[in-house]
C-alpha atoms as a PDB file:
ATOM      1  CA  MET A   1     -14.296  -9.783  15.788  1.00  0.00           C
ATOM      2  CA  HIS A   2     -13.193  -6.575  16.687  1.00  0.00           C
ATOM      3  CA  ALA A   3     -10.432  -7.779  19.241  1.00  0.00           C
ATOM      4  CA  PRO A   4      -8.522 -10.801  19.341  1.00  0.00           C
ATOM      5  CA  PRO A   5      -9.819 -13.623  21.794  1.00  0.00           C
ATOM      6  CA  SER A   6      -7.819 -13.058  24.858  1.00  0.00           C
ATOM      7  CA  GLU A   7      -7.224  -9.875  26.574  1.00  0.00           C
ATOM      8  CA  ASP A   8      -3.599  -9.648  26.912  1.00  0.00           C
ATOM      9  CA  TRP A   9      -3.363  -7.479  23.495  1.00  0.00           C
ATOM     10  CA  GLU A  10      -2.773  -3.700  23.507  1.00  0.00           C
ATOM     11  CA  PRO A  11      -4.880  -1.783  21.090  1.00  0.00           C
ATOM     12  CA  ILE A  12      -2.970   0.649  18.550  1.00  0.00           C
ATOM     13  CA  ASP A  13      -4.070   3.321  16.442  1.00  0.00           C
ATOM     14  CA  ILE A  14      -2.488   2.429  13.067  1.00  0.00           C
ATOM     15  CA  GLY A  15      -3.522   2.567   9.283  1.00  0.00           C
ATOM     16  CA  GLU A  16      -6.487   3.890   7.705  1.00  0.00           C
ATOM     17  CA  SER A  17      -8.587   0.606   7.274  1.00  0.00           C
ATOM     18  CA  ASP A  18     -11.931  -0.436   9.064  1.00  0.00           C
ATOM     19  CA  THR A  19      -9.932  -2.955  11.045  1.00  0.00           C
ATOM     20  CA  SER A  20      -8.870  -3.035  14.505  1.00  0.00           C
ATOM     21  CA  VAL A  21      -5.099  -3.421  15.081  1.00  0.00           C
ATOM     22  CA  TYR A  22      -3.395  -4.969  18.568  1.00  0.00           C
ATOM     23  CA  ARG A  23       0.079  -5.805  19.523  1.00  0.00           C
ATOM     24  CA  ARG A  24       1.490  -8.352  21.959  1.00  0.00           C
ATOM     25  CA  GLY A  25       5.284  -8.870  22.060  1.00  0.00           C
ATOM     26  CA  ASN A  26       6.526  -9.555  18.780  1.00  0.00           C
ATOM     27  CA  THR A  27       3.051 -10.063  17.085  1.00  0.00           C
ATOM     28  CA  PHE A  28       0.344  -7.764  15.690  1.00  0.00           C
ATOM     29  CA  ALA A  29      -3.228  -9.018  15.422  1.00  0.00           C
ATOM     30  CA  LYS A  30      -5.596  -7.162  12.819  1.00  0.00           C
ATOM     31  CA  CYS A  31      -9.266  -7.816  13.403  1.00  0.00           C
ATOM     32  CA  CYS A  32     -12.483  -7.127  11.675  1.00  0.00           C
ATOM     33  CA  ASP A  33     -16.179  -7.789  11.486  1.00  0.00           C
ATOM     34  CA  PRO A  34     -17.742 -10.393   9.216  1.00  0.00           C
ATOM     35  CA  SER A  35     -17.919  -7.981   6.381  1.00  0.00           C
ATOM     36  CA  GLY A  36     -14.256  -7.396   6.270  1.00  0.00           C
ATOM     37  CA  ALA A  37     -13.304 -11.171   6.623  1.00  0.00           C
ATOM     38  CA  ALA A  38     -12.934 -11.596   2.795  1.00  0.00           C
ATOM     39  CA  ASP A  39     -10.622  -8.763   2.667  1.00  0.00           C
ATOM     40  CA  LEU A  40      -8.507  -9.972   5.645  1.00  0.00           C
ATOM     41  CA  ALA A  41      -7.969 -13.168   4.449  1.00  0.00           C
ATOM     42  CA  ALA A  42      -6.822 -11.963   1.096  1.00  0.00           C
ATOM     43  CA  GLU A  43      -4.154 -10.031   3.041  1.00  0.00           C
ATOM     44  CA  ARG A  44      -3.206 -13.294   4.748  1.00  0.00           C
ATOM     45  CA  ASP A  45      -3.017 -15.046   1.585  1.00  0.00           C
ATOM     46  CA  ARG A  46      -0.514 -12.197   0.178  1.00  0.00           C
ATOM     47  CA  ILE A  47       1.594 -12.150   3.418  1.00  0.00           C
ATOM     48  CA  THR A  48       1.844 -16.034   3.135  1.00  0.00           C
ATOM     49  CA  TRP A  49       3.064 -15.867  -0.439  1.00  0.00           C
ATOM     50  CA  LEU A  50       5.437 -12.935  -0.176  1.00  0.00           C
ATOM     51  CA  ALA A  51       7.058 -14.793   2.801  1.00  0.00           C
ATOM     52  CA  THR A  52       7.724 -17.813   0.364  1.00  0.00           C
ATOM     53  CA  THR A  53       9.772 -15.534  -1.847  1.00  0.00           C
ATOM     54  CA  GLY A  54      12.254 -14.576   0.786  1.00  0.00           C
ATOM     55  CA  PHE A  55      11.556 -11.078   0.434  1.00  0.00           C
ATOM     56  CA  PRO A  56      11.331  -9.155   3.561  1.00  0.00           C
ATOM     57  CA  GLY A  57       8.305  -8.914   5.619  1.00  0.00           C
ATOM     58  CA  ALA A  58       5.725 -10.215   8.237  1.00  0.00           C
ATOM     59  CA  THR A  59       4.850 -13.791   8.390  1.00  0.00           C
ATOM     60  CA  VAL A  60       1.226 -15.494   9.318  1.00  0.00           C
ATOM     61  CA  VAL A  61       1.470 -16.602  13.008  1.00  0.00           C
ATOM     62  CA  ASP A  62      -2.421 -17.258  13.112  1.00  0.00           C
ATOM     63  CA  TRP A  63      -5.977 -17.056  11.625  1.00  0.00           C
ATOM     64  CA  LEU A  64      -9.149 -17.070  13.517  1.00  0.00           C
ATOM     65  CA  GLU A  65     -12.336 -16.525  11.958  1.00  0.00           C
ATOM     66  CA  GLN A  66     -16.021 -17.040  13.024  1.00  0.00           C
ATOM     67  CA  THR A  67     -18.957 -16.535  10.786  1.00  0.00           C
ATOM     68  CA  SER A  68     -20.979 -14.692  13.247  1.00  0.00           C
ATOM     69  CA  SER A  69     -17.915 -12.373  14.922  1.00  0.00           C
ATOM     70  CA  GLY A  70     -15.419 -11.705  12.061  1.00  0.00           C
ATOM     71  CA  ALA A  71     -11.983 -12.624  11.497  1.00  0.00           C
ATOM     72  CA  CYS A  72      -8.609 -11.981  13.266  1.00  0.00           C
ATOM     73  CA  LEU A  73      -5.089 -12.280  11.595  1.00  0.00           C
ATOM     74  CA  VAL A  74      -2.045 -12.568  13.700  1.00  0.00           C
ATOM     75  CA  THR A  75       1.337 -11.819  12.094  1.00  0.00           C
ATOM     76  CA  SER A  76       4.604 -11.573  13.199  1.00  0.00           C
ATOM     77  CA  ALA A  77       6.148  -7.783  13.827  1.00  0.00           C
ATOM     78  CA  VAL A  78       8.353  -6.282  11.206  1.00  0.00           C
ATOM     79  CA  PRO A  79      11.525  -5.071  13.036  1.00  0.00           C
ATOM     80  CA  GLY A  80      12.799  -1.535  12.163  1.00  0.00           C
ATOM     81  CA  VAL A  81      10.663   1.761  12.340  1.00  0.00           C
ATOM     82  CA  PRO A  82       8.082   2.994   9.496  1.00  0.00           C
ATOM     83  CA  GLY A  83       9.574   5.198   6.788  1.00  0.00           C
ATOM     84  CA  ASP A  84       7.371   8.135   7.805  1.00  0.00           C
ATOM     85  CA  THR A  85       9.240   8.449  11.192  1.00  0.00           C
ATOM     86  CA  LEU A  86      12.912   8.433   9.951  1.00  0.00           C
ATOM     87  CA  PRO A  87      14.796  11.921  10.674  1.00  0.00           C
ATOM     88  CA  PRO A  88      15.481  14.177   7.682  1.00  0.00           C
ATOM     89  CA  ALA A  89      19.174  13.453   7.686  1.00  0.00           C
ATOM     90  CA  SER A  90      18.531   9.736   6.695  1.00  0.00           C
ATOM     91  CA  HIS A  91      16.132  10.679   3.807  1.00  0.00           C
ATOM     92  CA  ASP A  92      18.275  10.593   0.921  1.00  0.00           C
ATOM     93  CA  ARG A  93      20.063   7.188   1.728  1.00  0.00           C
ATOM     94  CA  ALA A  94      16.625   5.785   2.972  1.00  0.00           C
ATOM     95  CA  MET A  95      15.240   6.925  -0.565  1.00  0.00           C
ATOM     96  CA  ARG A  96      17.803   5.274  -2.433  1.00  0.00           C
ATOM     97  CA  ARG A  97      17.353   1.768  -0.404  1.00  0.00           C
ATOM     98  CA  LEU A  98      13.692   2.279  -1.042  1.00  0.00           C
ATOM     99  CA  GLY A  99      14.137   2.313  -4.801  1.00  0.00           C
ATOM    100  CA  ALA A 100      16.293  -0.749  -4.762  1.00  0.00           C
ATOM    101  CA  THR A 101      13.822  -2.612  -2.780  1.00  0.00           C
ATOM    102  CA  LEU A 102      10.847  -1.685  -4.508  1.00  0.00           C
ATOM    103  CA  ARG A 103      12.649  -2.823  -7.838  1.00  0.00           C
ATOM    104  CA  ASP A 104      13.253  -5.987  -6.202  1.00  0.00           C
ATOM    105  CA  LEU A 105       9.746  -6.525  -5.452  1.00  0.00           C
ATOM    106  CA  HIS A 106       8.660  -5.512  -8.792  1.00  0.00           C
ATOM    107  CA  SER A 107      11.197  -8.244 -10.214  1.00  0.00           C
ATOM    108  CA  LEU A 108       9.570 -10.874  -8.237  1.00  0.00           C
ATOM    109  CA  THR A 109       7.418 -13.580 -10.575  1.00  0.00           C
ATOM    110  CA  ASP A 110       4.773 -16.155 -10.324  1.00  0.00           C
ATOM    111  CA  CYS A 111       2.483 -14.015  -8.136  1.00  0.00           C
ATOM    112  CA  PRO A 112      -0.933 -15.666  -8.203  1.00  0.00           C
ATOM    113  CA  PHE A 113      -2.569 -12.142  -7.074  1.00  0.00           C
ATOM    114  CA  GLU A 114      -3.771  -9.534  -9.947  1.00  0.00           C
ATOM    115  CA  ARG A 115      -5.022  -6.079  -9.745  1.00  0.00           C
ATOM    116  CA  PRO A 116      -6.000  -5.343 -13.200  1.00  0.00           C
ATOM    117  CA  LEU A 117      -6.520  -1.586 -14.240  1.00  0.00           C
ATOM    118  CA  ALA A 118     -10.369  -2.482 -15.312  1.00  0.00           C
ATOM    119  CA  GLU A 119     -10.998  -3.568 -11.808  1.00  0.00           C
ATOM    120  CA  VAL A 120      -9.399  -0.788 -10.027  1.00  0.00           C
ATOM    121  CA  ILE A 121     -11.207   1.827 -12.149  1.00  0.00           C
ATOM    122  CA  ALA A 122     -14.361   0.027 -11.578  1.00  0.00           C
ATOM    123  CA  THR A 123     -13.584   0.242  -7.928  1.00  0.00           C
ATOM    124  CA  ALA A 124     -13.102   3.648  -8.276  1.00  0.00           C
ATOM    125  CA  ALA A 125     -16.287   4.423 -10.202  1.00  0.00           C
ATOM    126  CA  ASP A 126     -18.098   2.615  -7.235  1.00  0.00           C
ATOM    127  CA  VAL A 127     -16.726   4.941  -4.537  1.00  0.00           C
ATOM    128  CA  VAL A 128     -17.533   7.879  -6.720  1.00  0.00           C
ATOM    129  CA  ARG A 129     -21.108   6.811  -7.051  1.00  0.00           C
ATOM    130  CA  ARG A 130     -21.654   6.109  -3.701  1.00  0.00           C
ATOM    131  CA  GLY A 131     -20.360   9.460  -2.649  1.00  0.00           C
ATOM    132  CA  ALA A 132     -17.712   7.882  -0.711  1.00  0.00           C
ATOM    133  CA  VAL A 133     -14.579   9.675  -1.722  1.00  0.00           C
ATOM    134  CA  ASN A 134     -12.766  10.820   1.533  1.00  0.00           C
ATOM    135  CA  PRO A 135     -11.624  14.617   0.572  1.00  0.00           C
ATOM    136  CA  ALA A 136      -8.844  14.282   3.159  1.00  0.00           C
ATOM    137  CA  TYR A 137      -6.960  11.882   0.533  1.00  0.00           C
ATOM    138  CA  LEU A 138      -7.391  14.829  -2.215  1.00  0.00           C
ATOM    139  CA  THR A 139      -5.371  17.812  -3.223  1.00  0.00           C
ATOM    140  CA  ASP A 140      -6.558  21.206  -2.759  1.00  0.00           C
ATOM    141  CA  GLU A 141      -6.694  21.328  -6.689  1.00  0.00           C
ATOM    142  CA  TRP A 142      -8.621  18.087  -6.835  1.00  0.00           C
ATOM    143  CA  ARG A 143     -11.146  19.267  -4.072  1.00  0.00           C
ATOM    144  CA  ARG A 144     -12.193  22.003  -6.171  1.00  0.00           C
ATOM    145  CA  LEU A 145     -13.546  19.327  -8.642  1.00  0.00           C
ATOM    146  CA  LYS A 146     -16.671  17.208  -8.154  1.00  0.00           C
ATOM    147  CA  PRO A 147     -15.224  13.273  -7.825  1.00  0.00           C
ATOM    148  CA  SER A 148     -17.164  12.511 -10.956  1.00  0.00           C
ATOM    149  CA  GLU A 149     -14.970  15.169 -12.780  1.00  0.00           C
ATOM    150  CA  LEU A 150     -11.877  13.589 -11.268  1.00  0.00           C
ATOM    151  CA  LEU A 151     -13.120  10.007 -12.361  1.00  0.00           C
ATOM    152  CA  ALA A 152     -13.760  11.436 -15.974  1.00  0.00           C
ATOM    153  CA  GLN A 153     -10.049  12.438 -16.225  1.00  0.00           C
ATOM    154  CA  VAL A 154      -8.983   8.943 -14.855  1.00  0.00           C
ATOM    155  CA  VAL A 155     -11.345   7.445 -17.712  1.00  0.00           C
ATOM    156  CA  ALA A 156      -9.980   9.633 -20.519  1.00  0.00           C
ATOM    157  CA  GLU A 157      -6.426   8.555 -19.611  1.00  0.00           C
ATOM    158  CA  ARG A 158      -7.394   5.033 -19.501  1.00  0.00           C
ATOM    159  CA  PRO A 159      -6.074   4.351 -23.409  1.00  0.00           C
ATOM    160  CA  TYR A 160      -2.805   5.891 -22.838  1.00  0.00           C
ATOM    161  CA  ILE A 161      -2.030   4.128 -19.586  1.00  0.00           C
ATOM    162  CA  GLU A 162      -3.191   0.571 -21.236  1.00  0.00           C
ATOM    163  CA  SER A 163      -0.885   1.190 -24.149  1.00  0.00           C
ATOM    164  CA  VAL A 164       2.293   1.608 -22.105  1.00  0.00           C
ATOM    165  CA  LEU A 165       1.076  -0.951 -19.233  1.00  0.00           C
ATOM    166  CA  GLU A 166       3.934  -2.428 -17.410  1.00  0.00           C
ATOM    167  CA  PRO A 167       2.583  -5.425 -15.158  1.00  0.00           C
ATOM    168  CA  VAL A 168       4.725  -6.375 -12.079  1.00  0.00           C
ATOM    169  CA  VAL A 169       4.222  -7.356  -8.598  1.00  0.00           C
ATOM    170  CA  CYS A 170       3.355  -4.409  -7.085  1.00  0.00           C
ATOM    171  CA  HIS A 171       2.857  -3.656  -3.292  1.00  0.00           C
ATOM    172  CA  GLY A 172      -0.541  -1.516  -4.101  1.00  0.00           C
ATOM    173  CA  ASP A 173      -0.351   0.845  -0.987  1.00  0.00           C
ATOM    174  CA  ALA A 174       3.623   1.813  -1.243  1.00  0.00           C
ATOM    175  CA  CYS A 175       3.169   4.438   1.276  1.00  0.00           C
ATOM    176  CA  LEU A 176       5.864   5.428   3.963  1.00  0.00           C
ATOM    177  CA  PRO A 177       4.224   4.150   6.941  1.00  0.00           C
ATOM    178  CA  ASN A 178       3.902   0.676   5.316  1.00  0.00           C
ATOM    179  CA  ILE A 179       7.695   0.450   4.573  1.00  0.00           C
ATOM    180  CA  PHE A 180      10.089  -0.355   7.406  1.00  0.00           C
ATOM    181  CA  PHE A 181      13.483   0.550   7.726  1.00  0.00           C
ATOM    182  CA  ASP A 182      16.336  -0.474  10.150  1.00  0.00           C
ATOM    183  CA  PRO A 183      17.184   3.121  11.688  1.00  0.00           C
ATOM    184  CA  GLU A 184      20.779   2.636  11.678  1.00  0.00           C
ATOM    185  CA  THR A 185      21.414   0.947   7.997  1.00  0.00           C
ATOM    186  CA  LEU A 186      18.527   2.373   6.636  1.00  0.00           C
ATOM    187  CA  GLU A 187      18.047  -0.796   4.769  1.00  0.00           C
ATOM    188  CA  VAL A 188      14.442  -2.036   4.054  1.00  0.00           C
ATOM    189  CA  THR A 189      13.473  -4.450   6.743  1.00  0.00           C
ATOM    190  CA  GLY A 190       9.803  -5.229   5.408  1.00  0.00           C
ATOM    191  CA  LEU A 191       6.840  -4.477   4.188  1.00  0.00           C
ATOM    192  CA  ILE A 192       3.125  -4.184   5.766  1.00  0.00           C
ATOM    193  CA  ASP A 193      -0.599  -3.883   4.738  1.00  0.00           C
ATOM    194  CA  LEU A 194      -0.315  -6.218   1.799  1.00  0.00           C
ATOM    195  CA  GLY A 195      -3.798  -6.444   1.241  1.00  0.00           C
ATOM    196  CA  ARG A 196      -3.534  -4.593  -2.400  1.00  0.00           C
ATOM    197  CA  LEU A 197      -0.422  -6.799  -3.358  1.00  0.00           C
ATOM    198  CA  GLY A 198      -0.743  -8.129  -6.807  1.00  0.00           C
ATOM    199  CA  VAL A 199       0.289  -7.885 -10.450  1.00  0.00           C
ATOM    200  CA  ALA A 200      -0.421  -4.254 -11.750  1.00  0.00           C
ATOM    201  CA  ASP A 201       1.271  -1.441 -13.559  1.00  0.00           C
ATOM    202  CA  ARG A 202       4.775  -0.258 -11.889  1.00  0.00           C
ATOM    203  CA  TYR A 203       3.544   3.104 -12.012  1.00  0.00           C
ATOM    204  CA  SER A 204       0.804   2.291  -9.375  1.00  0.00           C
ATOM    205  CA  ASP A 205       3.180   1.841  -6.589  1.00  0.00           C
ATOM    206  CA  LEU A 206       5.627   4.668  -8.286  1.00  0.00           C
ATOM    207  CA  ALA A 207       3.314   7.221  -8.365  1.00  0.00           C
ATOM    208  CA  LEU A 208       2.203   6.818  -4.575  1.00  0.00           C
ATOM    209  CA  THR A 209       5.523   6.454  -3.176  1.00  0.00           C
ATOM    210  CA  THR A 210       6.790   9.644  -5.214  1.00  0.00           C
ATOM    211  CA  ILE A 211       3.923  11.692  -3.789  1.00  0.00           C
ATOM    212  CA  GLN A 212       4.653  10.310  -0.265  1.00  0.00           C
ATOM    213  CA  LEU A 213       8.598  11.235  -0.508  1.00  0.00           C
ATOM    214  CA  HIS A 214       6.916  15.028  -1.174  1.00  0.00           C
ATOM    215  CA  ASP A 215       4.297  14.802   1.531  1.00  0.00           C
ATOM    216  CA  GLU A 216       5.763  13.514   4.195  1.00  0.00           C
ATOM    217  CA  TRP A 217       9.537  14.211   3.818  1.00  0.00           C
ATOM    218  CA  SER A 218       9.334  17.140   1.784  1.00  0.00           C
ATOM    219  CA  ALA A 219      11.871  15.543  -0.616  1.00  0.00           C
ATOM    220  CA  ALA A 220      12.692  15.629  -4.173  1.00  0.00           C
ATOM    221  CA  PRO A 221      12.207  12.046  -5.535  1.00  0.00           C
ATOM    222  CA  GLU A 222      15.476  12.039  -7.712  1.00  0.00           C
ATOM    223  CA  PRO A 223      17.476   9.796  -5.501  1.00  0.00           C
ATOM    224  CA  PHE A 224      14.523   7.468  -5.246  1.00  0.00           C
ATOM    225  CA  HIS A 225      13.933   7.213  -9.064  1.00  0.00           C
ATOM    226  CA  GLU A 226      17.720   6.669  -9.733  1.00  0.00           C
ATOM    227  CA  ALA A 227      18.030   3.791  -7.517  1.00  0.00           C
ATOM    228  CA  TYR A 228      14.737   2.318  -8.957  1.00  0.00           C
ATOM    229  CA  GLY A 229      16.056   2.545 -12.419  1.00  0.00           C
ATOM    230  CA  VAL A 230      13.566   5.050 -13.768  1.00  0.00           C
ATOM    231  CA  PRO A 231      15.534   8.544 -13.399  1.00  0.00           C
ATOM    232  CA  ASN A 232      13.291  10.180 -15.837  1.00  0.00           C
ATOM    233  CA  PRO A 233       9.621   8.858 -15.047  1.00  0.00           C
ATOM    234  CA  ASP A 234       6.662   9.405 -17.255  1.00  0.00           C
ATOM    235  CA  PRO A 235       4.979  12.540 -15.437  1.00  0.00           C
ATOM    236  CA  ARG A 236       1.796  11.654 -17.349  1.00  0.00           C
ATOM    237  CA  ARG A 237       1.332   8.132 -16.028  1.00  0.00           C
ATOM    238  CA  LEU A 238       2.754   9.206 -12.368  1.00  0.00           C
ATOM    239  CA  TYR A 239      -0.426  11.834 -12.425  1.00  0.00           C
ATOM    240  CA  PHE A 240      -2.723   9.083 -13.290  1.00  0.00           C
ATOM    241  CA  PHE A 241      -2.151   6.702 -10.727  1.00  0.00           C
ATOM    242  CA  ARG A 242      -1.764   9.501  -7.997  1.00  0.00           C
ATOM    243  CA  LEU A 243      -5.268  10.628  -9.306  1.00  0.00           C
ATOM    244  CA  LEU A 244      -6.717   7.132  -9.508  1.00  0.00           C
ATOM    245  CA  ASP A 245      -5.562   6.008  -5.909  1.00  0.00           C
ATOM    246  CA  PRO A 246      -7.647   8.552  -3.649  1.00  0.00           C
ATOM    247  CA  LEU A 247     -10.791   7.595  -5.609  1.00  0.00           C
ATOM    248  CA  THR A 248     -10.349   3.881  -4.559  1.00  0.00           C
ATOM    249  CA  TRP A 249     -10.628   4.114  -0.868  1.00  0.00           C
ATOM    250  CA  GLY A 250     -14.072   4.344   0.458  1.00  0.00           C
END
C-alpha cells in the first residue's frame, strides 16, 4: 500500500525510510508495502503511547492494513516547523528549548518499548554482513575504513558502554528534521518519526542530536548540553553512539 486509498492526498518527499508519505490538510499518511507493515505498526503503537503521556507530538487518526497490499498510518500533523529549517538567529534559543525537551522525554516512565543495546548492535552486525551500510551516513574518516572495521570498534567499546548505561525513554532518531518548533517562541511543538522510540541509553539521543547541531546548524552544542543538564558529556559515549547509529540503517 504505497498510497492512501483515496486520491486527494498530496505526495511529499520527507525522511529516509522506505515508506511513502502524503499530506491532506492537517493529516499525514505514511504507507508501505507488506514487508514494512510490522515496523509501521510499531511506530503506530509508539505514537499512541507517547500521546497518553501528554508529551507533544502527533496522534493516530487511522490505521489501514491489507495483507496483500501493505499498511497505511494516518496521523495528525505536528504544528510548527522542523528544526533543520530554523534560521541561524534562533539556534541558540532553540538549542536550549531542545535540551529541556529531550530531558523531559528522558524523564518519562513506564514505557512499554525497549531498544536494548545488544539488539541494536545485532542490527548493525546484520547490516554490515549484508553490505547494506549507506556510505552517505558516514563521515569522511569512517568511509576510509571497511564497515566491518567500524563494527569492530563498536564491539570493542561495548563493555565500557554497558558499564555506564543509563536507560531512559529515547526518541531513537533525534535528528533535527524530526523535532518541530514554534518559529516564533521556539518552543518544541512535537516529535515525529517515532519508529525507534523506546528505553535505551540516554547517549543514543544525545550523540545524534549533538552531531546534528554541528552538521545542520554549524553550531557548538554547549547550550543544548547545558539545558539538558549534562554540561560536560562523556566524549567516549558520544562517539560510540555516533558510530553505531549509521551502521543500523540498511
